[in-house]
């Protein structure tokens, strides 16, 4: 009888320990295997003209580069500032739902005329293990067929972080 009781106690412990996963802590596997970047920039601009988010796992970092002046053609002494945050479980799920690596890698590198006449540029970049990098650049505020959902999510997250952390916009 002790063997049966011990078996059920052990079985219950194993069963219950497998049920203790927290959905808030769970990062989709694909976001642990890739680094995802989304950014915007304006070439003929002085100020906070370059903003890029980098997502790795559930961490998200916003990089802002501020051009403070020009000397000839080159910008002098740009100021780089980074802000970090965590993605919510709903953000993680939305991104995972929209990532399709085979569709993304089949896209062209450039769409439209990004940053022409200082209309600005946006991009999404995926870095995979083994230094595999795919980047799609397009006109600011536009969408690329096939990645509209991913663009919308990443653009919204970037804008949310800009509003939260970047002053004087």
Protein backbone atom coordinates (compact mmCIF):
# COMPACT_ATOMS: atom_id res chain seq x y z
CA UNK A 1 0.00 0.00 0.00
CA UNK A 2 2.89 2.35 0.77
CA UNK A 3 4.24 1.79 -2.75
CA UNK A 4 0.92 2.79 -4.31
CA UNK A 5 0.64 5.89 -2.08
CA UNK A 6 4.24 6.84 -2.86
CA UNK A 7 3.60 6.35 -6.59
CA UNK A 8 0.53 8.63 -6.53
CA UNK A 9 2.34 11.25 -4.46
CA UNK A 10 5.26 11.25 -6.91
CA UNK A 11 2.93 11.27 -9.92
CA UNK A 12 0.93 14.21 -8.48
CA UNK A 13 4.10 16.18 -7.76
CA UNK A 14 5.34 15.73 -11.34
CA UNK A 15 1.95 16.57 -12.80
CA UNK A 16 1.54 19.72 -10.70
CA UNK A 17 5.09 20.94 -11.33
CA UNK A 18 4.46 20.81 -15.08
CA UNK A 19 1.38 23.02 -14.67
CA UNK A 20 3.22 25.90 -13.02
CA UNK A 21 4.21 27.81 -16.16
CA UNK A 22 3.40 31.50 -16.14
CA UNK A 23 2.01 32.83 -19.42
CA UNK A 24 3.34 36.33 -18.60
CA UNK A 25 6.89 34.99 -18.43
CA UNK A 26 6.71 32.74 -21.50
CA UNK A 27 8.46 34.17 -24.54
CA UNK A 28 7.60 32.60 -27.89
CA UNK A 29 10.46 30.38 -29.04
CA UNK A 30 10.92 32.32 -32.28
CA UNK A 31 11.71 35.50 -30.33
CA UNK A 32 14.43 33.66 -28.42
CA UNK A 33 15.97 32.51 -31.72
CA UNK A 34 15.97 35.83 -33.60
CA UNK A 35 16.59 39.52 -33.03
CA UNK A 36 13.99 41.78 -34.55
CA UNK A 37 14.62 45.45 -35.37
CA UNK A 38 12.28 48.14 -36.60
CA UNK A 39 13.26 51.71 -37.20
CA UNK A 40 12.72 55.07 -38.83
CA UNK A 41 15.11 57.74 -40.01
CA UNK A 42 15.19 61.02 -41.89
CA UNK A 43 18.44 61.84 -43.67
CA UNK A 44 18.21 65.63 -43.98
CA UNK A 45 17.25 66.31 -40.41
CA UNK A 46 18.78 67.81 -37.31
CA UNK A 47 17.39 66.54 -34.04
CA UNK A 48 16.10 63.13 -32.99
CA UNK A 49 15.88 61.78 -36.52
CA UNK A 50 16.84 58.14 -36.01
CA UNK A 51 14.79 55.79 -33.82
CA UNK A 52 15.08 52.02 -33.76
CA UNK A 53 13.68 49.32 -31.51
CA UNK A 54 15.45 46.02 -31.03
CA UNK A 55 13.52 43.03 -29.71
CA UNK A 56 15.26 39.98 -28.29
CA UNK A 57 13.12 37.61 -26.28
CA UNK A 58 10.76 39.74 -24.21
CA UNK A 59 13.23 42.65 -23.98
CA UNK A 60 12.82 45.71 -26.17
CA UNK A 61 15.33 48.54 -26.49
CA UNK A 62 14.77 51.91 -28.14
CA UNK A 63 17.82 53.61 -29.65
CA UNK A 64 17.48 57.32 -30.42
CA UNK A 65 20.22 59.15 -32.31
CA UNK A 66 20.08 62.93 -32.19
CA UNK A 67 22.01 64.99 -34.71
CA UNK A 68 22.99 68.22 -33.04
CA UNK A 69 24.44 70.14 -35.96
CA UNK A 70 26.21 69.94 -39.27
CA UNK A 71 29.74 70.62 -40.33
CA UNK A 72 29.88 70.52 -44.09
CA UNK A 73 28.27 67.27 -45.17
CA UNK A 74 28.90 65.28 -42.00
CA UNK A 75 26.86 65.52 -38.83
CA UNK A 76 28.96 66.33 -35.80
CA UNK A 77 28.80 64.54 -32.49
CA UNK A 78 25.49 62.68 -32.65
CA UNK A 79 24.00 61.84 -29.26
CA UNK A 80 22.92 58.22 -28.78
CA UNK A 81 20.41 57.37 -26.06
CA UNK A 82 18.99 53.95 -25.22
CA UNK A 83 15.85 53.06 -23.29
CA UNK A 84 14.86 49.52 -22.29
CA UNK A 85 11.53 47.94 -21.53
CA UNK A 86 9.74 44.57 -21.48
CA UNK A 87 7.13 43.41 -23.95
CA UNK A 88 3.78 42.37 -22.57
CA UNK A 89 2.46 38.85 -23.11
CA UNK A 90 -0.06 40.22 -25.62
CA UNK A 91 2.72 42.03 -27.55
CA UNK A 92 4.76 38.82 -27.65
CA UNK A 93 1.80 36.81 -28.92
CA UNK A 94 0.93 39.40 -31.57
CA UNK A 95 4.51 39.51 -32.87
CA UNK A 96 4.78 35.72 -32.91
CA UNK A 97 1.52 35.49 -34.87
CA UNK A 98 2.79 37.91 -37.54
CA UNK A 99 6.35 36.60 -38.03
CA UNK A 100 6.72 34.40 -41.07
CA UNK A 101 10.45 34.05 -41.76
CA UNK A 102 10.08 32.34 -45.13
CA UNK A 103 7.75 35.09 -46.35
CA UNK A 104 10.01 37.81 -44.91
CA UNK A 105 13.23 36.46 -46.46
CA UNK A 106 11.51 36.28 -49.88
CA UNK A 107 10.83 40.05 -49.88
CA UNK A 108 12.94 42.58 -51.78
CA UNK A 109 15.47 44.63 -49.83
CA UNK A 110 13.95 48.00 -50.84
CA UNK A 111 10.43 49.15 -51.68
CA UNK A 112 9.63 52.56 -53.11
CA UNK A 113 12.10 55.38 -52.59
CA UNK A 114 12.92 55.41 -48.87
CA UNK A 115 14.26 58.74 -47.61
CA UNK A 116 13.99 60.39 -51.01
CA UNK A 117 13.48 64.15 -50.69
CA UNK A 118 13.63 63.51 -46.93
CA UNK A 119 10.35 61.65 -46.90
CA UNK A 120 11.92 59.32 -44.38
CA UNK A 121 12.59 55.62 -44.31
CA UNK A 122 11.40 52.72 -42.21
CA UNK A 123 12.76 49.21 -41.98
CA UNK A 124 12.33 45.83 -40.40
CA UNK A 125 15.38 43.65 -39.91
CA UNK A 126 15.59 40.03 -38.77
CA UNK A 127 18.86 38.66 -37.45
CA UNK A 128 19.04 34.89 -37.12
CA UNK A 129 21.66 32.60 -35.66
CA UNK A 130 24.70 32.18 -37.86
CA UNK A 131 24.76 35.89 -38.76
CA UNK A 132 21.89 35.54 -41.23
CA UNK A 133 20.43 39.01 -41.69
CA UNK A 134 17.43 40.06 -43.76
CA UNK A 135 16.34 43.68 -43.95
CA UNK A 136 13.44 45.32 -45.76
CA UNK A 137 13.54 49.11 -46.15
CA UNK A 138 10.57 51.14 -47.37
CA UNK A 139 9.14 54.66 -47.42
CA UNK A 140 8.20 56.12 -44.03
CA UNK A 141 4.56 55.48 -43.14
CA UNK A 142 3.99 53.02 -45.99
CA UNK A 143 3.36 49.28 -45.83
CA UNK A 144 4.91 46.37 -47.70
CA UNK A 145 2.56 43.65 -48.94
CA UNK A 146 2.92 40.51 -46.87
CA UNK A 147 4.23 42.13 -43.68
CA UNK A 148 1.54 44.73 -43.00
CA UNK A 149 0.55 43.15 -39.68
CA UNK A 150 4.12 42.93 -38.42
CA UNK A 151 4.80 46.50 -39.58
CA UNK A 152 1.72 47.77 -37.72
CA UNK A 153 2.70 46.04 -34.46
CA UNK A 154 6.35 47.12 -34.55
CA UNK A 155 5.50 50.68 -35.59
CA UNK A 156 3.00 50.96 -32.72
CA UNK A 157 5.54 49.61 -30.18
CA UNK A 158 8.19 52.05 -31.47
CA UNK A 159 5.77 54.98 -31.26
CA UNK A 160 4.66 53.90 -27.78
CA UNK A 161 8.25 53.88 -26.53
CA UNK A 162 9.02 57.21 -28.22
CA UNK A 163 6.04 58.81 -26.44
CA UNK A 164 7.06 57.24 -23.14
CA UNK A 165 10.77 58.09 -23.17
CA UNK A 166 11.65 60.75 -25.76
CA UNK A 167 11.02 64.36 -24.80
CA UNK A 168 10.69 67.39 -27.09
CA UNK A 169 9.22 65.56 -30.04
